[in-house]
């Protein structure tokens, strides 16, 4: 198969590229050259920005395209309009954040999506989910019957630069007293390599439609127990309560990764994945993901800034406050 990936050198795109090449596909990567420019020398690299350099794709045809980096309908529209007569199949990477109500559990693919009263808005930070939903609509309108929409949840594994999952293997490997949110909290993750392999299966079959891809279910307790197996120093878990985290104004999702408040977006970690598993998605054991994520993280430069997780001083202060509150009670 002659495959074009928009993106393809950083995280999900990187895993897709590696899998595609392993399967013998002919691969073209269209990216800005900011990350992994030396990766995959056997693939063709077209360096350009999709907002200004789409003409670099003119005069070419591919069997399929995978769009890993579409966030704004205007930009996605330009890409799909240029490619709709040059590719047979279009895969758009969306998100489970498209739904209008993520306080619900076990949402299916046909649940209502978020909308914008003004569809010209392009503030991705404020309207990420609604914009992703509009991007899906844009692709479907241009290529009806030829589009595949993948809605991942939290993608994890090696090269996960978001650090939301990576924080836990790294922090626990450092040992000492670790502040952890309620152990019964839901965690739903998918290893990027499993996602890439399954997606390419669908692309090779020219599958169309919409699929969740949030992976397997765990509790926070299960996750940290697995992480502890790779700790070179003893780690002691201090489980704090949600009221304490609220009182101390601890930020969910980013400051304390994988924690969301019980009246917040709990549906993010409780998505219905039945359709994906029925279509052939398989997930590797959590221990493999934790081991490989930690190994990758330990290969990063120590001075590289991490994007998520408690600052050590903040964690120490929270632990002090927690223990102080327990003594008073």
C-alpha atoms as a PDB file:
ATOM      1  CA  UNK A   1       0.000   0.000   0.000  1.00  0.00           C
ATOM      2  CA  UNK A   2       1.168   3.504  -0.833  1.00  0.00           C
ATOM      3  CA  UNK A   3       0.480   5.464   2.362  1.00  0.00           C
ATOM      4  CA  UNK A   4       0.662   9.154   3.250  1.00  0.00           C
ATOM      5  CA  UNK A   5       0.836  10.253   6.890  1.00  0.00           C
ATOM      6  CA  UNK A   6       0.251  13.865   7.831  1.00  0.00           C
ATOM      7  CA  UNK A   7       2.633  14.063  10.763  1.00  0.00           C
ATOM      8  CA  UNK A   8       4.450  10.846  11.533  1.00  0.00           C
ATOM      9  CA  UNK A   9       7.626  11.583  13.472  1.00  0.00           C
ATOM     10  CA  UNK A  10       6.687  12.324  17.088  1.00  0.00           C
ATOM     11  CA  UNK A  11       4.279   9.952  18.903  1.00  0.00           C
ATOM     12  CA  UNK A  12       1.263   8.280  17.305  1.00  0.00           C
ATOM     13  CA  UNK A  13       2.524   9.210  13.856  1.00  0.00           C
ATOM     14  CA  UNK A  14       5.885   7.710  14.727  1.00  0.00           C
ATOM     15  CA  UNK A  15       4.293   4.422  15.805  1.00  0.00           C
ATOM     16  CA  UNK A  16       2.171   4.365  12.645  1.00  0.00           C
ATOM     17  CA  UNK A  17       5.206   4.998  10.461  1.00  0.00           C
ATOM     18  CA  UNK A  18       7.230   2.266  12.142  1.00  0.00           C
ATOM     19  CA  UNK A  19       4.409  -0.247  11.832  1.00  0.00           C
ATOM     20  CA  UNK A  20       3.693   0.657   8.212  1.00  0.00           C
ATOM     21  CA  UNK A  21       7.330   0.206   7.229  1.00  0.00           C
ATOM     22  CA  UNK A  22       7.542  -3.082   9.125  1.00  0.00           C
ATOM     23  CA  UNK A  23       4.605  -4.292   7.024  1.00  0.00           C
ATOM     24  CA  UNK A  24       6.310  -3.323   3.790  1.00  0.00           C
ATOM     25  CA  UNK A  25       4.156  -0.351   2.844  1.00  0.00           C
ATOM     26  CA  UNK A  26       5.522   2.518   0.780  1.00  0.00           C
ATOM     27  CA  UNK A  27       5.446   5.536   3.058  1.00  0.00           C
ATOM     28  CA  UNK A  28       5.399   9.299   2.615  1.00  0.00           C
ATOM     29  CA  UNK A  29       5.594  11.549   5.684  1.00  0.00           C
ATOM     30  CA  UNK A  30       4.438  15.161   5.405  1.00  0.00           C
ATOM     31  CA  UNK A  31       5.612  17.082   8.465  1.00  0.00           C
ATOM     32  CA  UNK A  32       7.259  20.296   9.613  1.00  0.00           C
ATOM     33  CA  UNK A  33      10.633  18.767  10.378  1.00  0.00           C
ATOM     34  CA  UNK A  34      10.563  19.808  14.021  1.00  0.00           C
ATOM     35  CA  UNK A  35      10.724  16.327  15.551  1.00  0.00           C
ATOM     36  CA  UNK A  36      12.459  13.179  14.399  1.00  0.00           C
ATOM     37  CA  UNK A  37      13.555  14.518  11.051  1.00  0.00           C
ATOM     38  CA  UNK A  38      16.198  11.786  10.900  1.00  0.00           C
ATOM     39  CA  UNK A  39      13.708   9.022  11.713  1.00  0.00           C
ATOM     40  CA  UNK A  40      12.673   6.531   9.033  1.00  0.00           C
ATOM     41  CA  UNK A  41      15.234   7.254   6.286  1.00  0.00           C
ATOM     42  CA  UNK A  42      13.558   4.568   4.172  1.00  0.00           C
ATOM     43  CA  UNK A  43      10.409   6.728   3.962  1.00  0.00           C
ATOM     44  CA  UNK A  44       9.959   9.807   1.796  1.00  0.00           C
ATOM     45  CA  UNK A  45       9.895  12.989   3.875  1.00  0.00           C
ATOM     46  CA  UNK A  46       8.133  16.083   2.563  1.00  0.00           C
ATOM     47  CA  UNK A  47       8.931  18.995   4.843  1.00  0.00           C
ATOM     48  CA  UNK A  48       6.202  21.589   5.039  1.00  0.00           C
ATOM     49  CA  UNK A  49       3.420  23.126   7.120  1.00  0.00           C
ATOM     50  CA  UNK A  50      -0.084  21.969   6.255  1.00  0.00           C
ATOM     51  CA  UNK A  51      -1.367  25.504   6.736  1.00  0.00           C
ATOM     52  CA  UNK A  52       0.870  26.972   4.046  1.00  0.00           C
ATOM     53  CA  UNK A  53       2.610  24.244   2.048  1.00  0.00           C
ATOM     54  CA  UNK A  54      -0.078  21.821   0.877  1.00  0.00           C
ATOM     55  CA  UNK A  55       0.888  22.469  -2.726  1.00  0.00           C
ATOM     56  CA  UNK A  56       3.875  20.183  -2.063  1.00  0.00           C
ATOM     57  CA  UNK A  57       1.393  17.281  -2.225  1.00  0.00           C
ATOM     58  CA  UNK A  58      -0.036  18.230  -5.599  1.00  0.00           C
ATOM     59  CA  UNK A  59       0.481  15.919  -8.538  1.00  0.00           C
ATOM     60  CA  UNK A  60       0.771  12.842  -6.301  1.00  0.00           C
ATOM     61  CA  UNK A  61      -1.561   9.963  -5.454  1.00  0.00           C
ATOM     62  CA  UNK A  62      -1.698   7.545  -2.533  1.00  0.00           C
ATOM     63  CA  UNK A  63      -3.886   4.598  -1.620  1.00  0.00           C
ATOM     64  CA  UNK A  64      -4.662   6.070   1.780  1.00  0.00           C
ATOM     65  CA  UNK A  65      -3.847   8.972   4.079  1.00  0.00           C
ATOM     66  CA  UNK A  66      -3.773   9.101   7.877  1.00  0.00           C
ATOM     67  CA  UNK A  67      -4.247  12.569   9.345  1.00  0.00           C
ATOM     68  CA  UNK A  68      -2.670  12.587  12.804  1.00  0.00           C
ATOM     69  CA  UNK A  69      -2.499  16.332  13.381  1.00  0.00           C
ATOM     70  CA  UNK A  70      -5.791  17.965  12.417  1.00  0.00           C
ATOM     71  CA  UNK A  71      -7.278  20.284  15.043  1.00  0.00           C
ATOM     72  CA  UNK A  72      -8.988  23.145  13.180  1.00  0.00           C
ATOM     73  CA  UNK A  73     -11.731  22.547  10.569  1.00  0.00           C
ATOM     74  CA  UNK A  74     -10.396  25.213   8.211  1.00  0.00           C
ATOM     75  CA  UNK A  75      -7.000  23.519   8.040  1.00  0.00           C
ATOM     76  CA  UNK A  76      -8.429  20.001   7.801  1.00  0.00           C
ATOM     77  CA  UNK A  77     -10.793  21.157   5.062  1.00  0.00           C
ATOM     78  CA  UNK A  78      -7.895  22.423   2.958  1.00  0.00           C
ATOM     79  CA  UNK A  79      -6.096  19.086   3.345  1.00  0.00           C
ATOM     80  CA  UNK A  80      -9.061  16.874   2.544  1.00  0.00           C
ATOM     81  CA  UNK A  81     -10.138  19.006  -0.418  1.00  0.00           C
ATOM     82  CA  UNK A  82      -6.684  18.733  -1.938  1.00  0.00           C
ATOM     83  CA  UNK A  83      -6.406  15.000  -1.254  1.00  0.00           C
ATOM     84  CA  UNK A  84      -9.930  13.715  -1.883  1.00  0.00           C
ATOM     85  CA  UNK A  85      -9.205  12.957  -5.552  1.00  0.00           C
ATOM     86  CA  UNK A  86      -5.655  11.774  -4.807  1.00  0.00           C
ATOM     87  CA  UNK A  87      -6.343   9.155  -2.116  1.00  0.00           C
ATOM     88  CA  UNK A  88      -8.811   6.337  -1.861  1.00  0.00           C
ATOM     89  CA  UNK A  89      -9.255   6.346   1.907  1.00  0.00           C
ATOM     90  CA  UNK A  90      -8.901   9.037   4.618  1.00  0.00           C
ATOM     91  CA  UNK A  91      -8.317   8.278   8.289  1.00  0.00           C
ATOM     92  CA  UNK A  92      -8.812  11.150  10.705  1.00  0.00           C
ATOM     93  CA  UNK A  93      -7.472  10.968  14.264  1.00  0.00           C
ATOM     94  CA  UNK A  94     -10.108  12.566  16.457  1.00  0.00           C
ATOM     95  CA  UNK A  95     -10.634  12.211  20.222  1.00  0.00           C
ATOM     96  CA  UNK A  96     -13.115  10.976  22.813  1.00  0.00           C
ATOM     97  CA  UNK A  97     -13.215  14.627  23.882  1.00  0.00           C
ATOM     98  CA  UNK A  98     -15.737  15.251  21.083  1.00  0.00           C
ATOM     99  CA  UNK A  99     -18.698  14.361  23.321  1.00  0.00           C
ATOM    100  CA  UNK A 100     -20.930  17.014  24.818  1.00  0.00           C
ATOM    101  CA  UNK A 101     -21.294  15.153  28.127  1.00  0.00           C
ATOM    102  CA  UNK A 102     -18.237  13.363  29.493  1.00  0.00           C
ATOM    103  CA  UNK A 103     -19.674  13.076  32.977  1.00  0.00           C
ATOM    104  CA  UNK A 104     -21.517  10.017  31.608  1.00  0.00           C
ATOM    105  CA  UNK A 105     -19.977   6.559  31.755  1.00  0.00           C
ATOM    106  CA  UNK A 106     -19.746   4.039  28.899  1.00  0.00           C
ATOM    107  CA  UNK A 107     -20.463   6.514  26.097  1.00  0.00           C
ATOM    108  CA  UNK A 108     -20.861   4.896  22.672  1.00  0.00           C
ATOM    109  CA  UNK A 109     -19.853   6.261  19.278  1.00  0.00           C
ATOM    110  CA  UNK A 110     -23.358   7.534  18.485  1.00  0.00           C
ATOM    111  CA  UNK A 111     -23.597   9.809  21.548  1.00  0.00           C
ATOM    112  CA  UNK A 112     -24.155  13.560  20.883  1.00  0.00           C
ATOM    113  CA  UNK A 113     -20.999  15.523  20.199  1.00  0.00           C
ATOM    114  CA  UNK A 114     -20.110  19.008  21.368  1.00  0.00           C
ATOM    115  CA  UNK A 115     -21.031  21.902  19.100  1.00  0.00           C
ATOM    116  CA  UNK A 116     -20.052  25.544  18.646  1.00  0.00           C
ATOM    117  CA  UNK A 117     -22.545  28.364  18.165  1.00  0.00           C
ATOM    118  CA  UNK A 118     -19.850  30.096  16.128  1.00  0.00           C
ATOM    119  CA  UNK A 119     -18.071  27.556  13.930  1.00  0.00           C
ATOM    120  CA  UNK A 120     -15.423  30.094  12.926  1.00  0.00           C
ATOM    121  CA  UNK A 121     -13.851  29.845  16.398  1.00  0.00           C
ATOM    122  CA  UNK A 122     -10.383  28.264  16.322  1.00  0.00           C
ATOM    123  CA  UNK A 123      -9.403  28.322  20.003  1.00  0.00           C
ATOM    124  CA  UNK A 124      -8.186  24.739  20.380  1.00  0.00           C
ATOM    125  CA  UNK A 125      -7.416  25.113  24.092  1.00  0.00           C
ATOM    126  CA  UNK A 126     -10.973  26.143  24.951  1.00  0.00           C
ATOM    127  CA  UNK A 127     -12.882  24.109  22.342  1.00  0.00           C
ATOM    128  CA  UNK A 128     -10.690  21.107  21.573  1.00  0.00           C
ATOM    129  CA  UNK A 129     -13.496  18.533  21.535  1.00  0.00           C
ATOM    130  CA  UNK A 130     -16.000  20.572  19.539  1.00  0.00           C
ATOM    131  CA  UNK A 131     -13.348  21.459  16.964  1.00  0.00           C
ATOM    132  CA  UNK A 132     -12.372  17.814  16.590  1.00  0.00           C
ATOM    133  CA  UNK A 133     -16.037  16.975  16.007  1.00  0.00           C
ATOM    134  CA  UNK A 134     -16.223  19.637  13.301  1.00  0.00           C
ATOM    135  CA  UNK A 135     -13.067  18.264  11.710  1.00  0.00           C
ATOM    136  CA  UNK A 136     -14.713  14.830  11.507  1.00  0.00           C
ATOM    137  CA  UNK A 137     -17.742  16.413   9.861  1.00  0.00           C
ATOM    138  CA  UNK A 138     -15.519  18.203   7.368  1.00  0.00           C
ATOM    139  CA  UNK A 139     -13.733  14.996   6.339  1.00  0.00           C
ATOM    140  CA  UNK A 140     -16.982  13.032   6.042  1.00  0.00           C
ATOM    141  CA  UNK A 141     -18.590  15.709   3.879  1.00  0.00           C
ATOM    142  CA  UNK A 142     -15.676  15.719   1.455  1.00  0.00           C
ATOM    143  CA  UNK A 143     -15.166  11.942   1.302  1.00  0.00           C
ATOM    144  CA  UNK A 144     -18.475  10.226   2.144  1.00  0.00           C
ATOM    145  CA  UNK A 145     -18.117   6.482   2.401  1.00  0.00           C
ATOM    146  CA  UNK A 146     -14.319   6.691   2.304  1.00  0.00           C
ATOM    147  CA  UNK A 147     -13.503   8.066   5.759  1.00  0.00           C
ATOM    148  CA  UNK A 148     -12.448   6.392   8.995  1.00  0.00           C
ATOM    149  CA  UNK A 149     -12.645   8.370  12.246  1.00  0.00           C
ATOM    150  CA  UNK A 150     -10.641   7.136  15.239  1.00  0.00           C
ATOM    151  CA  UNK A 151     -11.466   8.606  18.654  1.00  0.00           C
ATOM    152  CA  UNK A 152      -8.646   7.680  21.037  1.00  0.00           C
ATOM    153  CA  UNK A 153      -8.671   8.269  24.750  1.00  0.00           C
ATOM    154  CA  UNK A 154      -5.351   8.582  26.584  1.00  0.00           C
ATOM    155  CA  UNK A 155      -2.605   7.259  24.311  1.00  0.00           C
ATOM    156  CA  UNK A 156       0.471   6.133  26.250  1.00  0.00           C
ATOM    157  CA  UNK A 157       3.808   4.441  25.764  1.00  0.00           C
ATOM    158  CA  UNK A 158       7.285   5.321  24.486  1.00  0.00           C
ATOM    159  CA  UNK A 159       7.636   8.859  23.048  1.00  0.00           C
ATOM    160  CA  UNK A 160       4.572  10.121  24.962  1.00  0.00           C
ATOM    161  CA  UNK A 161       5.674  13.718  25.267  1.00  0.00           C
ATOM    162  CA  UNK A 162       2.500  14.716  27.185  1.00  0.00           C
ATOM    163  CA  UNK A 163       3.982  13.049  30.311  1.00  0.00           C
ATOM    164  CA  UNK A 164       0.515  12.400  31.757  1.00  0.00           C
ATOM    165  CA  UNK A 165       1.013   8.635  31.992  1.00  0.00           C
ATOM    166  CA  UNK A 166       4.813   8.784  31.962  1.00  0.00           C
ATOM    167  CA  UNK A 167       4.824  10.692  35.263  1.00  0.00           C
ATOM    168  CA  UNK A 168       3.789   7.623  37.235  1.00  0.00           C
ATOM    169  CA  UNK A 169       6.488   5.130  36.133  1.00  0.00           C
ATOM    170  CA  UNK A 170       9.095   7.892  36.451  1.00  0.00           C
ATOM    171  CA  UNK A 171       7.961   9.165  39.854  1.00  0.00           C
ATOM    172  CA  UNK A 172       7.556   5.724  41.394  1.00  0.00           C
ATOM    173  CA  UNK A 173      10.952   4.615  40.059  1.00  0.00           C
ATOM    174  CA  UNK A 174      12.486   7.464  42.079  1.00  0.00           C
ATOM    175  CA  UNK A 175      11.201   5.826  45.268  1.00  0.00           C
ATOM    176  CA  UNK A 176      10.339   7.492  48.559  1.00  0.00           C
ATOM    177  CA  UNK A 177       6.906   8.615  49.651  1.00  0.00           C
ATOM    178  CA  UNK A 178       4.598   9.080  46.658  1.00  0.00           C
ATOM    179  CA  UNK A 179       1.340  11.034  46.811  1.00  0.00           C
ATOM    180  CA  UNK A 180      -1.350   9.113  44.947  1.00  0.00           C
ATOM    181  CA  UNK A 181      -5.025   9.951  44.299  1.00  0.00           C
ATOM    182  CA  UNK A 182      -7.815   7.533  45.353  1.00  0.00           C
ATOM    183  CA  UNK A 183      -6.856   4.002  44.414  1.00  0.00           C
ATOM    184  CA  UNK A 184     -10.334   3.122  43.119  1.00  0.00           C
ATOM    185  CA  UNK A 185     -10.137   5.852  40.462  1.00  0.00           C
ATOM    186  CA  UNK A 186     -10.647   4.660  36.897  1.00  0.00           C
ATOM    187  CA  UNK A 187      -7.763   4.627  34.429  1.00  0.00           C
ATOM    188  CA  UNK A 188      -8.286   3.775  30.753  1.00  0.00           C
ATOM    189  CA  UNK A 189      -5.232   3.814  28.488  1.00  0.00           C
ATOM    190  CA  UNK A 190      -4.112   2.466  25.131  1.00  0.00           C
ATOM    191  CA  UNK A 191      -0.522   1.706  24.199  1.00  0.00           C
ATOM    192  CA  UNK A 192       0.418   3.713  21.106  1.00  0.00           C
ATOM    193  CA  UNK A 193       1.852   0.610  19.444  1.00  0.00           C
ATOM    194  CA  UNK A 194      -1.396  -1.331  19.860  1.00  0.00           C
ATOM    195  CA  UNK A 195      -3.344   1.624  18.499  1.00  0.00           C
ATOM    196  CA  UNK A 196      -1.070   1.937  15.467  1.00  0.00           C
ATOM    197  CA  UNK A 197      -1.225  -1.775  14.611  1.00  0.00           C
ATOM    198  CA  UNK A 198      -5.021  -1.887  14.848  1.00  0.00           C
ATOM    199  CA  UNK A 199      -5.465   1.319  12.872  1.00  0.00           C
ATOM    200  CA  UNK A 200      -3.328   0.019  10.041  1.00  0.00           C
ATOM    201  CA  UNK A 201      -5.397  -3.178  10.029  1.00  0.00           C
ATOM    202  CA  UNK A 202      -8.483  -1.025   9.458  1.00  0.00           C
ATOM    203  CA  UNK A 203      -6.799   1.103   6.802  1.00  0.00           C
ATOM    204  CA  UNK A 204      -5.613  -1.981   4.919  1.00  0.00           C
ATOM    205  CA  UNK A 205      -9.223  -3.242   4.888  1.00  0.00           C
ATOM    206  CA  UNK A 206     -10.528   0.204   3.814  1.00  0.00           C
ATOM    207  CA  UNK A 207     -12.765   0.238   6.902  1.00  0.00           C
ATOM    208  CA  UNK A 208     -15.003   3.268   7.288  1.00  0.00           C
ATOM    209  CA  UNK A 209     -17.008   4.686  10.184  1.00  0.00           C
ATOM    210  CA  UNK A 210     -16.231   5.838  13.708  1.00  0.00           C
ATOM    211  CA  UNK A 211     -14.422   3.868  16.404  1.00  0.00           C
ATOM    212  CA  UNK A 212     -13.394   4.557  19.972  1.00  0.00           C
ATOM    213  CA  UNK A 213      -9.852   3.607  20.930  1.00  0.00           C
ATOM    214  CA  UNK A 214      -9.426   4.028  24.682  1.00  0.00           C
ATOM    215  CA  UNK A 215      -7.919   0.641  25.393  1.00  0.00           C
ATOM    216  CA  UNK A 216      -8.124  -1.368  28.587  1.00  0.00           C
ATOM    217  CA  UNK A 217      -9.517  -0.505  32.023  1.00  0.00           C
ATOM    218  CA  UNK A 218      -7.529  -0.325  35.241  1.00  0.00           C
ATOM    219  CA  UNK A 219      -7.766   1.301  38.642  1.00  0.00           C
ATOM    220  CA  UNK A 220      -5.201   3.732  39.941  1.00  0.00           C
ATOM    221  CA  UNK A 221      -4.241   1.079  42.477  1.00  0.00           C
ATOM    222  CA  UNK A 222      -3.493  -1.440  39.756  1.00  0.00           C
ATOM    223  CA  UNK A 223      -1.452   1.081  37.792  1.00  0.00           C
ATOM    224  CA  UNK A 224       0.852   2.123  40.616  1.00  0.00           C
ATOM    225  CA  UNK A 225       1.315  -1.481  41.735  1.00  0.00           C
ATOM    226  CA  UNK A 226       2.617  -2.332  38.261  1.00  0.00           C
ATOM    227  CA  UNK A 227       4.854   0.742  38.244  1.00  0.00           C
ATOM    228  CA  UNK A 228       6.318  -0.312  41.590  1.00  0.00           C
ATOM    229  CA  UNK A 229       7.707  -3.488  40.032  1.00  0.00           C
ATOM    230  CA  UNK A 230      10.248  -1.382  38.142  1.00  0.00           C
ATOM    231  CA  UNK A 231      11.265   0.907  40.977  1.00  0.00           C
ATOM    232  CA  UNK A 232      14.955   0.734  41.807  1.00  0.00           C
ATOM    233  CA  UNK A 233      14.199   2.280  45.206  1.00  0.00           C
ATOM    234  CA  UNK A 234      11.418   1.381  47.650  1.00  0.00           C
ATOM    235  CA  UNK A 235       8.300   3.470  47.074  1.00  0.00           C
ATOM    236  CA  UNK A 236       5.711   4.142  49.770  1.00  0.00           C
ATOM    237  CA  UNK A 237       2.261   5.125  48.521  1.00  0.00           C
ATOM    238  CA  UNK A 238       0.264   7.698  50.437  1.00  0.00           C
ATOM    239  CA  UNK A 239      -3.314   7.583  49.212  1.00  0.00           C
ATOM    240  CA  UNK A 240      -5.021  10.930  49.672  1.00  0.00           C
ATOM    241  CA  UNK A 241      -8.719  11.674  49.318  1.00  0.00           C
ATOM    242  CA  UNK A 242     -10.563  13.727  46.752  1.00  0.00           C
ATOM    243  CA  UNK A 243     -11.764  16.261  49.368  1.00  0.00           C
ATOM    244  CA  UNK A 244      -8.138  16.866  50.348  1.00  0.00           C
ATOM    245  CA  UNK A 245      -7.084  17.361  46.730  1.00  0.00           C
ATOM    246  CA  UNK A 246      -9.952  19.782  46.202  1.00  0.00           C
ATOM    247  CA  UNK A 247      -9.131  21.691  49.363  1.00  0.00           C
ATOM    248  CA  UNK A 248      -5.509  22.080  48.280  1.00  0.00           C
ATOM    249  CA  UNK A 249      -6.607  23.071  44.766  1.00  0.00           C
ATOM    250  CA  UNK A 250      -4.574  20.347  43.124  1.00  0.00           C
ATOM    251  CA  UNK A 251      -5.043  20.462  39.369  1.00  0.00           C
ATOM    252  CA  UNK A 252      -6.615  17.386  37.834  1.00  0.00           C
ATOM    253  CA  UNK A 253      -5.311  15.671  34.681  1.00  0.00           C
ATOM    254  CA  UNK A 254      -2.057  17.658  34.312  1.00  0.00           C
ATOM    255  CA  UNK A 255      -0.727  18.610  37.769  1.00  0.00           C
ATOM    256  CA  UNK A 256      -1.799  15.251  39.196  1.00  0.00           C
ATOM    257  CA  UNK A 257      -1.954  13.090  36.083  1.00  0.00           C
ATOM    258  CA  UNK A 258      -4.756  10.562  35.542  1.00  0.00           C
ATOM    259  CA  UNK A 259      -6.866  12.049  38.341  1.00  0.00           C
ATOM    260  CA  UNK A 260     -10.211  13.640  37.495  1.00  0.00           C
ATOM    261  CA  UNK A 261     -12.732  14.745  40.077  1.00  0.00           C
ATOM    262  CA  UNK A 262     -15.770  12.534  40.603  1.00  0.00           C
ATOM    263  CA  UNK A 263     -18.128  15.234  39.343  1.00  0.00           C
ATOM    264  CA  UNK A 264     -15.863  16.129  36.427  1.00  0.00           C
ATOM    265  CA  UNK A 265     -14.906  14.359  33.183  1.00  0.00           C
ATOM    266  CA  UNK A 266     -14.983  10.835  34.585  1.00  0.00           C
ATOM    267  CA  UNK A 267     -16.332   9.568  31.269  1.00  0.00           C
ATOM    268  CA  UNK A 268     -12.889  10.098  29.750  1.00  0.00           C
ATOM    269  CA  UNK A 269     -11.736   6.952  31.548  1.00  0.00           C
ATOM    270  CA  UNK A 270     -14.921   4.941  31.024  1.00  0.00           C
ATOM    271  CA  UNK A 271     -15.491   4.936  27.271  1.00  0.00           C
ATOM    272  CA  UNK A 272     -17.257   1.994  25.610  1.00  0.00           C
ATOM    273  CA  UNK A 273     -14.629   0.236  23.449  1.00  0.00           C
ATOM    274  CA  UNK A 274     -16.748  -2.752  22.432  1.00  0.00           C
ATOM    275  CA  UNK A 275     -16.810  -1.798  18.748  1.00  0.00           C
ATOM    276  CA  UNK A 276     -13.027  -1.479  18.569  1.00  0.00           C
ATOM    277  CA  UNK A 277     -12.390  -4.802  20.292  1.00  0.00           C
ATOM    278  CA  UNK A 278     -14.964  -6.493  18.061  1.00  0.00           C
ATOM    279  CA  UNK A 279     -13.113  -5.146  15.017  1.00  0.00           C
ATOM    280  CA  UNK A 280      -9.819  -6.703  16.125  1.00  0.00           C
ATOM    281  CA  UNK A 281      -8.182  -4.309  18.593  1.00  0.00           C
ATOM    282  CA  UNK A 282      -5.902  -6.099  21.040  1.00  0.00           C
ATOM    283  CA  UNK A 283      -3.979  -4.569  23.940  1.00  0.00           C
ATOM    284  CA  UNK A 284      -0.739  -5.691  25.514  1.00  0.00           C
ATOM    285  CA  UNK A 285      -0.315  -6.221  29.274  1.00  0.00           C
ATOM    286  CA  UNK A 286       0.055  -3.027  31.282  1.00  0.00           C
ATOM    287  CA  UNK A 287       3.398  -4.229  32.622  1.00  0.00           C
ATOM    288  CA  UNK A 288       4.876  -4.108  29.109  1.00  0.00           C
ATOM    289  CA  UNK A 289       3.679  -0.541  28.570  1.00  0.00           C
ATOM    290  CA  UNK A 290       5.029   0.610  31.927  1.00  0.00           C
ATOM    291  CA  UNK A 291       8.416  -1.064  31.375  1.00  0.00           C
ATOM    292  CA  UNK A 292       8.908   0.387  27.892  1.00  0.00           C
ATOM    293  CA  UNK A 293       7.638   3.839  28.832  1.00  0.00           C
ATOM    294  CA  UNK A 294      10.037   4.015  31.759  1.00  0.00           C
ATOM    295  CA  UNK A 295      12.949   2.846  29.604  1.00  0.00           C
ATOM    296  CA  UNK A 296      12.200   5.559  27.057  1.00  0.00           C
ATOM    297  CA  UNK A 297      11.796   8.211  29.735  1.00  0.00           C
ATOM    298  CA  UNK A 298      15.137   7.297  31.277  1.00  0.00           C
ATOM    299  CA  UNK A 299      16.776   7.837  27.876  1.00  0.00           C
ATOM    300  CA  UNK A 300      15.638  11.475  27.757  1.00  0.00           C
ATOM    301  CA  UNK A 301      18.026  14.282  28.719  1.00  0.00           C
ATOM    302  CA  UNK A 302      17.634  14.988  32.463  1.00  0.00           C
ATOM    303  CA  UNK A 303      17.238  18.692  31.759  1.00  0.00           C
ATOM    304  CA  UNK A 304      14.296  18.136  29.404  1.00  0.00           C
ATOM    305  CA  UNK A 305      11.245  19.789  30.914  1.00  0.00           C
ATOM    306  CA  UNK A 306       8.405  17.417  31.798  1.00  0.00           C
ATOM    307  CA  UNK A 307       4.954  18.665  30.862  1.00  0.00           C
ATOM    308  CA  UNK A 308       2.855  17.016  33.571  1.00  0.00           C
ATOM    309  CA  UNK A 309       3.130  15.893  37.167  1.00  0.00           C
ATOM    310  CA  UNK A 310       3.572  17.294  40.632  1.00  0.00           C
ATOM    311  CA  UNK A 311       6.597  19.481  41.268  1.00  0.00           C
ATOM    312  CA  UNK A 312       8.691  17.737  43.959  1.00  0.00           C
ATOM    313  CA  UNK A 313       8.375  20.680  46.339  1.00  0.00           C
ATOM    314  CA  UNK A 314       4.625  20.806  45.813  1.00  0.00           C
ATOM    315  CA  UNK A 315       4.325  17.065  46.430  1.00  0.00           C
ATOM    316  CA  UNK A 316       6.373  17.323  49.636  1.00  0.00           C
ATOM    317  CA  UNK A 317       4.186  20.147  50.924  1.00  0.00           C
ATOM    318  CA  UNK A 318       0.980  18.264  50.102  1.00  0.00           C
ATOM    319  CA  UNK A 319       2.273  15.203  51.928  1.00  0.00           C
ATOM    320  CA  UNK A 320       3.126  17.325  54.947  1.00  0.00           C
ATOM    321  CA  UNK A 321      -0.366  18.846  54.954  1.00  0.00           C
ATOM    322  CA  UNK A 322      -1.989  15.439  54.569  1.00  0.00           C
ATOM    323  CA  UNK A 323      -0.140  13.910  57.485  1.00  0.00           C
ATOM    324  CA  UNK A 324      -0.823  16.987  59.592  1.00  0.00           C
ATOM    325  CA  UNK A 325      -4.549  16.730  58.864  1.00  0.00           C
ATOM    326  CA  UNK A 326      -4.584  13.040  59.838  1.00  0.00           C
ATOM    327  CA  UNK A 327      -2.935  13.810  63.171  1.00  0.00           C
ATOM    328  CA  UNK A 328      -5.563  16.435  63.975  1.00  0.00           C
ATOM    329  CA  UNK A 329      -8.389  14.056  63.138  1.00  0.00           C
END
